[in-house]
Amino acid sequence: MPAPAAGTLVLATRNAGKLRELARILGTQVALTGLEEFPDAPDVPETGATFEANALLKARAIAEHTGLPAVADDSGLCVDALGGMPGVLSARWAGRHGDDKANLDLVLAQVADVPDARLRARFVCAAALVVPGNAAREVVVTGSLDGRLVRVPRGTGGFGYDPIFLPDGFSQTTAEMTAEAKDAISHRGRAFRALVPYVTS
């Protein structure tokens, strides 16, 4: 497999859904690749206390490994009634990283006795760009989407907590929306769009 060309932007994830999402947002403005092109790339532990810190950790490590500009994000669900948790622990809230159903079920169990009026929540995403080399630079932006939880999962699109998140002003959960409709309002869409001017400059 040929190496990605200079000028390529590396998205620091092996999540095909995230790669497709960023490709939709950036369109044809940049050449984009994921970590499947770099099988020996390190798995970077998300040890930061904030979304911003975790995004930077990943982007720095992948930029250093590949020698190419790298974009990484960290995102999660912040539930008011849970003191802002699961937050940076969203992907491993139930104990095992990436077990979407277990994570979702645990959150629902934890808010089972919380009145509907107190089920406010938001999705938050921090996206980081790290450009290596002599003109090294780092940029971090954030995006968020406010809404509330629903008690019964709805929809089969998206991933993670999408089936139980109802954005403000909408009657569909983010799992019931089309990919394009979700991109237009999502925390990740907002963060990535805020990053576009830095990526393309």
N, C-alpha and C. Protein backbone atom coordinates (compact mmCIF):
# COMPACT_ATOMS: atom_id res chain seq x y z
N MET A 1 0.85 -1.20 0.00
CA MET A 1 0.00 0.00 0.00
C MET A 1 0.88 1.25 0.00
N PRO A 2 0.72 2.17 -0.97
CA PRO A 2 1.57 3.35 -1.02
C PRO A 2 1.34 4.27 0.17
N ALA A 3 2.38 4.98 0.58
CA ALA A 3 2.26 5.90 1.71
C ALA A 3 1.43 7.11 1.28
N PRO A 4 0.66 7.68 2.20
CA PRO A 4 -0.09 8.90 1.86
C PRO A 4 0.83 10.01 1.41
N ALA A 5 0.36 10.80 0.47
CA ALA A 5 1.18 11.87 -0.08
C ALA A 5 1.34 13.02 0.90
N ALA A 6 2.41 13.79 0.71
CA ALA A 6 2.57 15.01 1.48
C ALA A 6 1.36 15.90 1.23
N GLY A 7 0.94 16.61 2.27
CA GLY A 7 -0.26 17.42 2.15
C GLY A 7 -1.50 16.70 2.63
N THR A 8 -1.35 15.42 2.94
CA THR A 8 -2.47 14.65 3.46
C THR A 8 -2.70 14.98 4.93
N LEU A 9 -3.94 15.02 5.32
CA LEU A 9 -4.32 15.22 6.71
C LEU A 9 -4.70 13.87 7.30
N VAL A 10 -4.10 13.53 8.43
CA VAL A 10 -4.38 12.25 9.08
C VAL A 10 -5.40 12.46 10.19
N LEU A 11 -6.50 11.74 10.13
CA LEU A 11 -7.46 11.75 11.22
C LEU A 11 -7.07 10.65 12.19
N ALA A 12 -6.78 11.04 13.41
CA ALA A 12 -6.21 10.12 14.40
C ALA A 12 -7.28 9.22 15.00
N THR A 13 -7.84 8.36 14.16
CA THR A 13 -8.83 7.40 14.62
C THR A 13 -8.85 6.19 13.72
N ARG A 14 -9.28 5.07 14.28
CA ARG A 14 -9.56 3.88 13.48
C ARG A 14 -11.07 3.69 13.33
N ASN A 15 -11.83 4.68 13.77
CA ASN A 15 -13.29 4.65 13.71
C ASN A 15 -13.73 5.10 12.32
N ALA A 16 -14.24 4.16 11.52
CA ALA A 16 -14.62 4.47 10.15
C ALA A 16 -15.74 5.50 10.10
N GLY A 17 -16.63 5.49 11.09
CA GLY A 17 -17.72 6.45 11.14
C GLY A 17 -17.20 7.87 11.28
N LYS A 18 -16.21 8.08 12.14
CA LYS A 18 -15.64 9.42 12.31
C LYS A 18 -14.94 9.87 11.03
N LEU A 19 -14.25 8.95 10.36
CA LEU A 19 -13.54 9.30 9.13
C LEU A 19 -14.54 9.75 8.06
N ARG A 20 -15.65 9.02 7.93
CA ARG A 20 -16.67 9.40 6.95
C ARG A 20 -17.28 10.76 7.30
N GLU A 21 -17.49 10.98 8.61
CA GLU A 21 -18.09 12.23 9.06
C GLU A 21 -17.19 13.42 8.72
N LEU A 22 -15.90 13.31 9.01
CA LEU A 22 -14.99 14.40 8.71
C LEU A 22 -14.85 14.60 7.21
N ALA A 23 -14.86 13.50 6.45
CA ALA A 23 -14.78 13.61 5.00
C ALA A 23 -15.99 14.36 4.45
N ARG A 24 -17.17 14.11 5.01
CA ARG A 24 -18.37 14.83 4.56
C ARG A 24 -18.25 16.33 4.87
N ILE A 25 -17.70 16.66 6.02
CA ILE A 25 -17.61 18.06 6.44
C ILE A 25 -16.56 18.82 5.64
N LEU A 26 -15.41 18.17 5.42
CA LEU A 26 -14.32 18.83 4.70
C LEU A 26 -14.51 18.78 3.20
N GLY A 27 -15.33 17.83 2.72
CA GLY A 27 -15.54 17.70 1.29
C GLY A 27 -14.24 17.35 0.60
N THR A 28 -13.93 18.05 -0.47
CA THR A 28 -12.71 17.77 -1.24
C THR A 28 -11.62 18.79 -0.95
N GLN A 29 -11.75 19.51 0.14
CA GLN A 29 -10.79 20.59 0.42
C GLN A 29 -9.40 20.07 0.77
N VAL A 30 -9.32 18.88 1.37
CA VAL A 30 -8.03 18.30 1.72
C VAL A 30 -8.06 16.80 1.45
N ALA A 31 -6.87 16.24 1.25
CA ALA A 31 -6.75 14.78 1.15
C ALA A 31 -6.76 14.24 2.58
N LEU A 32 -7.59 13.25 2.82
CA LEU A 32 -7.81 12.77 4.18
C LEU A 32 -7.56 11.28 4.27
N THR A 33 -6.91 10.86 5.34
CA THR A 33 -6.72 9.44 5.58
C THR A 33 -6.88 9.15 7.06
N GLY A 34 -7.10 7.90 7.39
CA GLY A 34 -7.22 7.49 8.79
C GLY A 34 -6.05 6.60 9.18
N LEU A 35 -6.11 6.06 10.36
CA LEU A 35 -4.99 5.27 10.88
C LEU A 35 -4.88 3.89 10.24
N GLU A 36 -5.87 3.50 9.41
CA GLU A 36 -5.72 2.22 8.72
C GLU A 36 -4.53 2.26 7.77
N GLU A 37 -4.10 3.47 7.37
CA GLU A 37 -2.91 3.62 6.52
C GLU A 37 -1.63 3.51 7.33
N PHE A 38 -1.76 3.53 8.66
CA PHE A 38 -0.59 3.49 9.55
C PHE A 38 -0.82 2.42 10.61
N PRO A 39 -0.73 1.14 10.22
CA PRO A 39 -1.05 0.06 11.15
C PRO A 39 -0.17 0.02 12.40
N ASP A 40 1.02 0.64 12.31
CA ASP A 40 1.92 0.64 13.47
C ASP A 40 1.77 1.90 14.32
N ALA A 41 0.76 2.72 14.00
CA ALA A 41 0.54 3.93 14.79
C ALA A 41 0.17 3.56 16.22
N PRO A 42 0.63 4.34 17.19
CA PRO A 42 0.34 4.01 18.59
C PRO A 42 -1.11 4.22 18.96
N ASP A 43 -1.60 3.41 19.88
CA ASP A 43 -2.88 3.68 20.53
C ASP A 43 -2.58 4.63 21.68
N VAL A 44 -3.15 5.81 21.63
CA VAL A 44 -2.80 6.86 22.60
C VAL A 44 -3.83 6.84 23.73
N PRO A 45 -3.40 6.55 24.95
CA PRO A 45 -4.33 6.55 26.08
C PRO A 45 -4.92 7.94 26.31
N GLU A 46 -6.22 7.97 26.57
CA GLU A 46 -6.90 9.23 26.84
C GLU A 46 -6.81 9.53 28.33
N THR A 47 -5.65 10.05 28.73
CA THR A 47 -5.38 10.26 30.15
C THR A 47 -5.66 11.69 30.60
N GLY A 48 -6.07 12.55 29.67
CA GLY A 48 -6.34 13.94 30.02
C GLY A 48 -7.60 14.09 30.84
N ALA A 49 -7.69 15.19 31.57
CA ALA A 49 -8.86 15.46 32.40
C ALA A 49 -9.95 16.20 31.64
N THR A 50 -9.65 16.64 30.41
CA THR A 50 -10.60 17.40 29.61
C THR A 50 -10.63 16.85 28.20
N PHE A 51 -11.70 17.16 27.47
CA PHE A 51 -11.78 16.78 26.06
C PHE A 51 -10.62 17.40 25.28
N GLU A 52 -10.31 18.67 25.58
CA GLU A 52 -9.24 19.37 24.86
C GLU A 52 -7.90 18.68 25.06
N ALA A 53 -7.61 18.30 26.29
CA ALA A 53 -6.34 17.65 26.58
C ALA A 53 -6.21 16.32 25.85
N ASN A 54 -7.27 15.54 25.85
CA ASN A 54 -7.23 14.25 25.17
C ASN A 54 -7.07 14.39 23.67
N ALA A 55 -7.78 15.36 23.07
CA ALA A 55 -7.65 15.58 21.63
C ALA A 55 -6.22 15.96 21.27
N LEU A 56 -5.61 16.82 22.06
CA LEU A 56 -4.22 17.23 21.80
C LEU A 56 -3.24 16.08 21.98
N LEU A 57 -3.44 15.26 23.00
CA LEU A 57 -2.56 14.11 23.21
C LEU A 57 -2.52 13.23 21.96
N LYS A 58 -3.70 12.95 21.42
CA LYS A 58 -3.79 12.06 20.26
C LYS A 58 -3.22 12.72 19.01
N ALA A 59 -3.57 13.97 18.78
CA ALA A 59 -3.09 14.65 17.58
C ALA A 59 -1.56 14.80 17.60
N ARG A 60 -1.00 15.13 18.76
CA ARG A 60 0.46 15.26 18.85
C ARG A 60 1.16 13.94 18.56
N ALA A 61 0.65 12.87 19.14
CA ALA A 61 1.29 11.56 18.96
C ALA A 61 1.23 11.12 17.51
N ILE A 62 0.10 11.32 16.85
CA ILE A 62 -0.04 10.87 15.46
C ILE A 62 0.74 11.76 14.51
N ALA A 63 0.78 13.06 14.77
CA ALA A 63 1.59 13.95 13.94
C ALA A 63 3.06 13.58 14.05
N GLU A 64 3.51 13.27 15.26
CA GLU A 64 4.91 12.89 15.45
C GLU A 64 5.20 11.56 14.76
N HIS A 65 4.28 10.61 14.85
CA HIS A 65 4.50 9.29 14.26
C HIS A 65 4.51 9.33 12.74
N THR A 66 3.59 10.11 12.16
CA THR A 66 3.44 10.10 10.70
C THR A 66 4.24 11.18 9.99
N GLY A 67 4.57 12.25 10.72
CA GLY A 67 5.22 13.39 10.09
C GLY A 67 4.25 14.24 9.28
N LEU A 68 2.95 13.97 9.41
CA LEU A 68 1.91 14.68 8.67
C LEU A 68 1.01 15.45 9.63
N PRO A 69 0.34 16.48 9.14
CA PRO A 69 -0.65 17.15 9.98
C PRO A 69 -1.71 16.15 10.45
N ALA A 70 -2.07 16.24 11.71
CA ALA A 70 -3.01 15.28 12.28
C ALA A 70 -4.13 16.01 12.99
N VAL A 71 -5.33 15.45 12.84
CA VAL A 71 -6.51 15.95 13.55
C VAL A 71 -7.02 14.83 14.45
N ALA A 72 -7.31 15.17 15.69
CA ALA A 72 -7.89 14.20 16.63
C ALA A 72 -9.03 14.89 17.36
N ASP A 73 -9.98 14.09 17.79
CA ASP A 73 -11.05 14.68 18.59
C ASP A 73 -11.29 13.81 19.81
N ASP A 74 -11.85 14.43 20.81
CA ASP A 74 -12.38 13.69 21.95
C ASP A 74 -13.75 14.27 22.23
N SER A 75 -14.69 13.41 22.44
CA SER A 75 -16.06 13.89 22.61
C SER A 75 -16.79 13.00 23.58
N GLY A 76 -17.92 13.50 24.06
CA GLY A 76 -18.69 12.70 24.99
C GLY A 76 -19.99 13.37 25.38
N LEU A 77 -20.70 12.67 26.21
CA LEU A 77 -22.00 13.13 26.72
C LEU A 77 -21.83 13.65 28.14
N CYS A 78 -22.36 14.83 28.39
CA CYS A 78 -22.30 15.41 29.72
C CYS A 78 -23.73 15.59 30.23
N VAL A 79 -24.07 14.87 31.28
CA VAL A 79 -25.43 14.86 31.82
C VAL A 79 -25.47 15.70 33.10
N ASP A 80 -26.32 16.71 33.13
CA ASP A 80 -26.38 17.61 34.28
C ASP A 80 -26.63 16.86 35.58
N ALA A 81 -27.59 15.92 35.56
CA ALA A 81 -27.97 15.20 36.78
C ALA A 81 -26.86 14.28 37.28
N LEU A 82 -25.86 14.02 36.42
CA LEU A 82 -24.72 13.19 36.82
C LEU A 82 -23.47 14.03 37.04
N GLY A 83 -23.68 15.32 37.27
CA GLY A 83 -22.54 16.20 37.54
C GLY A 83 -21.62 16.38 36.35
N GLY A 84 -22.20 16.29 35.14
CA GLY A 84 -21.39 16.46 33.93
C GLY A 84 -20.77 15.17 33.41
N MET A 85 -21.00 14.09 34.11
CA MET A 85 -20.49 12.80 33.65
C MET A 85 -21.50 12.19 32.68
N PRO A 86 -21.08 11.20 31.88
CA PRO A 86 -19.79 10.54 31.82
C PRO A 86 -18.64 11.38 31.28
N GLY A 87 -18.90 12.47 30.56
CA GLY A 87 -17.83 13.36 30.15
C GLY A 87 -16.72 12.66 29.39
N VAL A 88 -15.47 12.89 29.82
CA VAL A 88 -14.32 12.29 29.12
C VAL A 88 -14.30 10.78 29.26
N LEU A 89 -15.12 10.23 30.14
CA LEU A 89 -15.19 8.77 30.31
C LEU A 89 -16.31 8.14 29.48
N SER A 90 -16.93 8.91 28.59
CA SER A 90 -18.12 8.45 27.87
C SER A 90 -17.92 7.13 27.15
N ALA A 91 -16.78 6.95 26.49
CA ALA A 91 -16.57 5.74 25.69
C ALA A 91 -16.32 4.50 26.54
N ARG A 92 -16.00 4.71 27.81
CA ARG A 92 -15.70 3.56 28.68
C ARG A 92 -16.46 3.65 30.00
N TRP A 93 -17.62 4.28 29.98
CA TRP A 93 -18.39 4.53 31.19
C TRP A 93 -18.77 3.23 31.89
N ALA A 94 -19.08 2.18 31.14
CA ALA A 94 -19.48 0.91 31.74
C ALA A 94 -18.28 0.00 32.01
N GLY A 95 -17.08 0.49 31.73
CA GLY A 95 -15.88 -0.28 32.07
C GLY A 95 -15.05 -0.74 30.90
N ARG A 96 -15.68 -1.04 29.76
CA ARG A 96 -14.92 -1.50 28.61
C ARG A 96 -15.07 -0.49 27.49
N HIS A 97 -13.95 -0.06 26.93
CA HIS A 97 -13.95 0.99 25.92
C HIS A 97 -14.78 0.58 24.70
N GLY A 98 -15.69 1.48 24.30
CA GLY A 98 -16.41 1.28 23.05
C GLY A 98 -17.62 0.37 23.12
N ASP A 99 -18.04 -0.05 24.32
CA ASP A 99 -19.24 -0.89 24.44
C ASP A 99 -20.46 0.03 24.50
N ASP A 100 -20.92 0.45 23.33
CA ASP A 100 -21.97 1.47 23.26
C ASP A 100 -23.21 1.10 24.05
N LYS A 101 -23.68 -0.13 23.87
CA LYS A 101 -24.92 -0.53 24.53
C LYS A 101 -24.78 -0.53 26.05
N ALA A 102 -23.68 -1.05 26.55
CA ALA A 102 -23.46 -1.08 27.99
C ALA A 102 -23.37 0.33 28.56
N ASN A 103 -22.68 1.22 27.85
CA ASN A 103 -22.55 2.60 28.30
C ASN A 103 -23.92 3.28 28.36
N LEU A 104 -24.69 3.11 27.28
CA LEU A 104 -26.01 3.72 27.21
C LEU A 104 -26.92 3.18 28.31
N ASP A 105 -26.91 1.87 28.48
CA ASP A 105 -27.77 1.25 29.51
C ASP A 105 -27.41 1.74 30.90
N LEU A 106 -26.12 1.93 31.15
CA LEU A 106 -25.70 2.38 32.47
C LEU A 106 -26.18 3.80 32.74
N VAL A 107 -26.05 4.69 31.75
CA VAL A 107 -26.53 6.06 31.93
C VAL A 107 -28.03 6.07 32.21
N LEU A 108 -28.78 5.29 31.44
CA LEU A 108 -30.23 5.24 31.67
C LEU A 108 -30.56 4.73 33.08
N ALA A 109 -29.82 3.74 33.54
CA ALA A 109 -30.04 3.22 34.89
C ALA A 109 -29.73 4.28 35.94
N GLN A 110 -28.68 5.06 35.68
CA GLN A 110 -28.27 6.06 36.67
C GLN A 110 -29.23 7.24 36.76
N VAL A 111 -30.02 7.47 35.71
CA VAL A 111 -30.98 8.58 35.77
C VAL A 111 -32.42 8.08 35.90
N ALA A 112 -32.57 6.81 36.22
CA ALA A 112 -33.91 6.21 36.28
C ALA A 112 -34.83 6.95 37.26
N ASP A 113 -34.29 7.44 38.36
CA ASP A 113 -35.11 8.12 39.37
C ASP A 113 -35.05 9.65 39.25
N VAL A 114 -34.42 10.14 38.18
CA VAL A 114 -34.32 11.59 37.98
C VAL A 114 -35.56 12.07 37.23
N PRO A 115 -36.25 13.11 37.72
CA PRO A 115 -37.43 13.62 37.01
C PRO A 115 -37.10 14.05 35.58
N ASP A 116 -38.05 13.91 34.69
CA ASP A 116 -37.84 14.26 33.29
C ASP A 116 -37.30 15.67 33.12
N ALA A 117 -37.78 16.58 33.95
CA ALA A 117 -37.37 17.98 33.83
C ALA A 117 -35.89 18.19 34.12
N ARG A 118 -35.25 17.19 34.73
CA ARG A 118 -33.84 17.34 35.08
C ARG A 118 -32.94 16.45 34.22
N LEU A 119 -33.42 16.08 33.05
CA LEU A 119 -32.62 15.22 32.17
C LEU A 119 -31.84 16.01 31.12
N ARG A 120 -31.48 17.25 31.46
CA ARG A 120 -30.69 18.08 30.55
C ARG A 120 -29.32 17.45 30.33
N ALA A 121 -28.84 17.55 29.09
CA ALA A 121 -27.53 16.98 28.74
C ALA A 121 -26.99 17.73 27.53
N ARG A 122 -25.71 17.49 27.26
CA ARG A 122 -25.12 18.06 26.05
C ARG A 122 -24.03 17.14 25.55
N PHE A 123 -23.88 17.13 24.24
CA PHE A 123 -22.72 16.49 23.63
C PHE A 123 -21.65 17.56 23.46
N VAL A 124 -20.41 17.21 23.77
CA VAL A 124 -19.28 18.14 23.64
C VAL A 124 -18.19 17.45 22.83
N CYS A 125 -17.57 18.21 21.93
CA CYS A 125 -16.44 17.69 21.16
C CYS A 125 -15.33 18.72 21.14
N ALA A 126 -14.11 18.28 21.39
CA ALA A 126 -12.91 19.10 21.18
C ALA A 126 -12.16 18.48 20.01
N ALA A 127 -11.77 19.31 19.05
CA ALA A 127 -11.01 18.85 17.90
C ALA A 127 -9.68 19.59 17.88
N ALA A 128 -8.60 18.84 17.70
CA ALA A 128 -7.26 19.42 17.72
C ALA A 128 -6.55 19.17 16.40
N LEU A 129 -5.87 20.17 15.91
CA LEU A 129 -5.00 20.05 14.74
C LEU A 129 -3.57 20.28 15.19
N VAL A 130 -2.69 19.35 14.84
CA VAL A 130 -1.26 19.52 15.12
C VAL A 130 -0.51 19.38 13.80
N VAL A 131 0.23 20.44 13.45
CA VAL A 131 1.05 20.43 12.24
C VAL A 131 2.50 20.33 12.68
N PRO A 132 3.19 19.23 12.31
CA PRO A 132 4.57 19.04 12.76
C PRO A 132 5.55 19.82 11.89
N GLY A 133 6.81 19.81 12.30
CA GLY A 133 7.85 20.42 11.49
C GLY A 133 8.33 21.74 12.04
N ASN A 134 9.09 22.47 11.20
CA ASN A 134 9.70 23.72 11.64
C ASN A 134 8.66 24.78 11.97
N ALA A 135 7.54 24.74 11.23
CA ALA A 135 6.47 25.71 11.49
C ALA A 135 5.36 25.05 12.28
N ALA A 136 5.75 24.26 13.27
CA ALA A 136 4.77 23.50 14.05
C ALA A 136 3.73 24.43 14.66
N ARG A 137 2.49 23.95 14.64
CA ARG A 137 1.43 24.73 15.28
C ARG A 137 0.37 23.78 15.80
N GLU A 138 -0.37 24.28 16.78
CA GLU A 138 -1.44 23.51 17.41
C GLU A 138 -2.68 24.40 17.54
N VAL A 139 -3.82 23.83 17.21
CA VAL A 139 -5.08 24.54 17.34
C VAL A 139 -6.09 23.59 17.97
N VAL A 140 -6.86 24.08 18.93
CA VAL A 140 -7.93 23.29 19.52
C VAL A 140 -9.22 24.12 19.50
N VAL A 141 -10.30 23.50 19.02
CA VAL A 141 -11.60 24.16 19.00
C VAL A 141 -12.62 23.22 19.63
N THR A 142 -13.74 23.77 20.04
CA THR A 142 -14.78 22.93 20.64
C THR A 142 -16.14 23.21 19.98
N GLY A 143 -16.99 22.22 20.06
CA GLY A 143 -18.37 22.35 19.61
C GLY A 143 -19.26 21.63 20.60
N SER A 144 -20.49 22.09 20.75
CA SER A 144 -21.40 21.43 21.67
C SER A 144 -22.82 21.44 21.10
N LEU A 145 -23.63 20.53 21.61
CA LEU A 145 -25.03 20.42 21.20
C LEU A 145 -25.85 20.17 22.46
N ASP A 146 -26.75 21.10 22.77
CA ASP A 146 -27.58 20.98 23.96
C ASP A 146 -28.85 20.19 23.66
N GLY A 147 -29.34 19.51 24.69
CA GLY A 147 -30.57 18.75 24.54
C GLY A 147 -30.94 18.09 25.85
N ARG A 148 -31.61 16.95 25.73
CA ARG A 148 -31.99 16.20 26.92
C ARG A 148 -32.01 14.72 26.59
N LEU A 149 -32.02 13.92 27.63
CA LEU A 149 -32.09 12.48 27.45
C LEU A 149 -33.53 12.02 27.31
N VAL A 150 -33.72 10.95 26.54
CA VAL A 150 -35.01 10.25 26.52
C VAL A 150 -34.76 8.89 27.18
N ARG A 151 -35.80 8.33 27.74
CA ARG A 151 -35.62 7.12 28.56
C ARG A 151 -35.62 5.83 27.74
N VAL A 152 -36.15 5.90 26.52
CA VAL A 152 -36.19 4.71 25.67
C VAL A 152 -35.41 5.01 24.40
N PRO A 153 -34.37 4.21 24.10
CA PRO A 153 -33.57 4.46 22.89
C PRO A 153 -34.44 4.48 21.64
N ARG A 154 -34.12 5.43 20.74
CA ARG A 154 -34.86 5.58 19.49
C ARG A 154 -33.89 5.79 18.34
N GLY A 155 -34.06 5.02 17.27
CA GLY A 155 -33.25 5.20 16.07
C GLY A 155 -32.09 4.24 15.99
N THR A 156 -31.62 4.04 14.78
CA THR A 156 -30.52 3.08 14.54
C THR A 156 -29.31 3.74 13.90
N GLY A 157 -29.38 5.03 13.66
CA GLY A 157 -28.23 5.72 13.08
C GLY A 157 -27.24 6.15 14.15
N GLY A 158 -26.15 6.77 13.69
CA GLY A 158 -25.16 7.28 14.63
C GLY A 158 -24.50 6.17 15.43
N PHE A 159 -24.03 6.53 16.61
CA PHE A 159 -23.38 5.56 17.49
C PHE A 159 -23.35 6.14 18.90
N GLY A 160 -22.84 5.38 19.82
CA GLY A 160 -22.72 5.88 21.19
C GLY A 160 -24.07 6.16 21.82
N TYR A 161 -24.22 7.36 22.34
CA TYR A 161 -25.43 7.74 23.07
C TYR A 161 -26.50 8.37 22.17
N ASP A 162 -26.28 8.38 20.87
CA ASP A 162 -27.23 9.02 19.96
C ASP A 162 -28.68 8.57 20.16
N PRO A 163 -28.96 7.28 20.42
CA PRO A 163 -30.37 6.86 20.53
C PRO A 163 -31.12 7.45 21.73
N ILE A 164 -30.40 8.02 22.71
CA ILE A 164 -31.11 8.58 23.87
C ILE A 164 -30.93 10.09 23.99
N PHE A 165 -30.42 10.72 22.93
CA PHE A 165 -30.18 12.16 23.00
C PHE A 165 -31.11 12.89 22.04
N LEU A 166 -31.92 13.80 22.61
CA LEU A 166 -32.88 14.59 21.84
C LEU A 166 -32.40 16.04 21.84
N PRO A 167 -31.91 16.53 20.70
CA PRO A 167 -31.41 17.92 20.66
C PRO A 167 -32.54 18.93 20.86
N ASP A 168 -32.22 20.04 21.46
CA ASP A 168 -33.19 21.12 21.64
C ASP A 168 -33.77 21.53 20.29
N GLY A 169 -35.11 21.66 20.25
CA GLY A 169 -35.76 22.12 19.05
C GLY A 169 -36.07 21.05 18.03
N PHE A 170 -35.77 19.79 18.35
CA PHE A 170 -35.99 18.69 17.42
C PHE A 170 -36.87 17.62 18.05
N SER A 171 -37.57 16.88 17.21
CA SER A 171 -38.42 15.79 17.69
C SER A 171 -37.77 14.43 17.47
N GLN A 172 -36.61 14.42 16.82
CA GLN A 172 -35.88 13.17 16.57
C GLN A 172 -34.63 13.13 17.43
N THR A 173 -34.29 11.93 17.91
CA THR A 173 -32.98 11.76 18.53
C THR A 173 -31.92 11.85 17.44
N THR A 174 -30.68 12.02 17.85
CA THR A 174 -29.61 12.09 16.85
C THR A 174 -29.41 10.75 16.14
N ALA A 175 -29.94 9.67 16.70
CA ALA A 175 -29.88 8.37 16.03
C ALA A 175 -30.99 8.20 15.00
N GLU A 176 -32.01 9.07 15.06
CA GLU A 176 -33.11 9.01 14.10
C GLU A 176 -32.88 9.94 12.91
N MET A 177 -31.90 10.80 13.01
CA MET A 177 -31.62 11.78 11.94
C MET A 177 -30.83 11.15 10.81
N THR A 178 -30.93 11.76 9.61
CA THR A 178 -30.04 11.36 8.53
C THR A 178 -28.63 11.83 8.90
N ALA A 179 -27.63 11.23 8.25
CA ALA A 179 -26.25 11.62 8.52
C ALA A 179 -26.05 13.11 8.25
N GLU A 180 -26.66 13.61 7.17
CA GLU A 180 -26.48 15.01 6.79
C GLU A 180 -27.15 15.94 7.81
N ALA A 181 -28.33 15.56 8.28
CA ALA A 181 -29.02 16.39 9.27
C ALA A 181 -28.26 16.43 10.58
N LYS A 182 -27.73 15.28 10.97
CA LYS A 182 -26.95 15.24 12.21
C LYS A 182 -25.67 16.06 12.08
N ASP A 183 -24.97 15.92 10.94
CA ASP A 183 -23.73 16.68 10.72
C ASP A 183 -23.97 18.18 10.88
N ALA A 184 -25.14 18.64 10.42
CA ALA A 184 -25.43 20.07 10.41
C ALA A 184 -25.51 20.66 11.80
N ILE A 185 -25.86 19.84 12.80
CA ILE A 185 -26.06 20.38 14.15
C ILE A 185 -25.14 19.76 15.19
N SER A 186 -24.48 18.66 14.86
CA SER A 186 -23.79 17.88 15.89
C SER A 186 -22.60 18.61 16.48
N HIS A 187 -22.26 18.22 17.70
CA HIS A 187 -21.08 18.76 18.38
C HIS A 187 -19.83 18.53 17.56
N ARG A 188 -19.71 17.34 16.96
CA ARG A 188 -18.52 17.04 16.17
C ARG A 188 -18.52 17.85 14.88
N GLY A 189 -19.69 17.96 14.26
CA GLY A 189 -19.78 18.78 13.06
C GLY A 189 -19.39 20.22 13.33
N ARG A 190 -19.88 20.75 14.45
CA ARG A 190 -19.56 22.14 14.80
C ARG A 190 -18.07 22.32 15.07
N ALA A 191 -17.48 21.37 15.78
CA ALA A 191 -16.05 21.47 16.08
C ALA A 191 -15.21 21.35 14.81
N PHE A 192 -15.52 20.36 13.99
CA PHE A 192 -14.75 20.16 12.76
C PHE A 192 -14.89 21.35 11.81
N ARG A 193 -16.11 21.91 11.71
CA ARG A 193 -16.27 23.07 10.84
C ARG A 193 -15.47 24.26 11.36
N ALA A 194 -15.39 24.40 12.68
CA ALA A 194 -14.58 25.48 13.25
C ALA A 194 -13.10 25.27 12.98
N LEU A 195 -12.71 24.02 12.75
CA LEU A 195 -11.31 23.70 12.50
C LEU A 195 -10.94 23.88 11.03
N VAL A 196 -11.94 23.85 10.13
CA VAL A 196 -11.67 23.88 8.69
C VAL A 196 -10.77 25.04 8.27
N PRO A 197 -10.98 26.29 8.74
CA PRO A 197 -10.11 27.38 8.28
C PRO A 197 -8.64 27.15 8.63
N TYR A 198 -8.38 26.46 9.73
CA TYR A 198 -6.99 26.19 10.11
C TYR A 198 -6.41 25.05 9.29
N VAL A 199 -7.26 24.06 8.96
CA VAL A 199 -6.82 22.91 8.18
C VAL A 199 -6.47 23.32 6.76
N THR A 200 -7.25 24.24 6.20
CA THR A 200 -7.09 24.59 4.78
C THR A 200 -6.21 25.82 4.57
N SER A 201 -5.71 26.41 5.65
CA SER A 201 -4.88 27.61 5.50
C SER A 201 -3.41 27.25 5.29
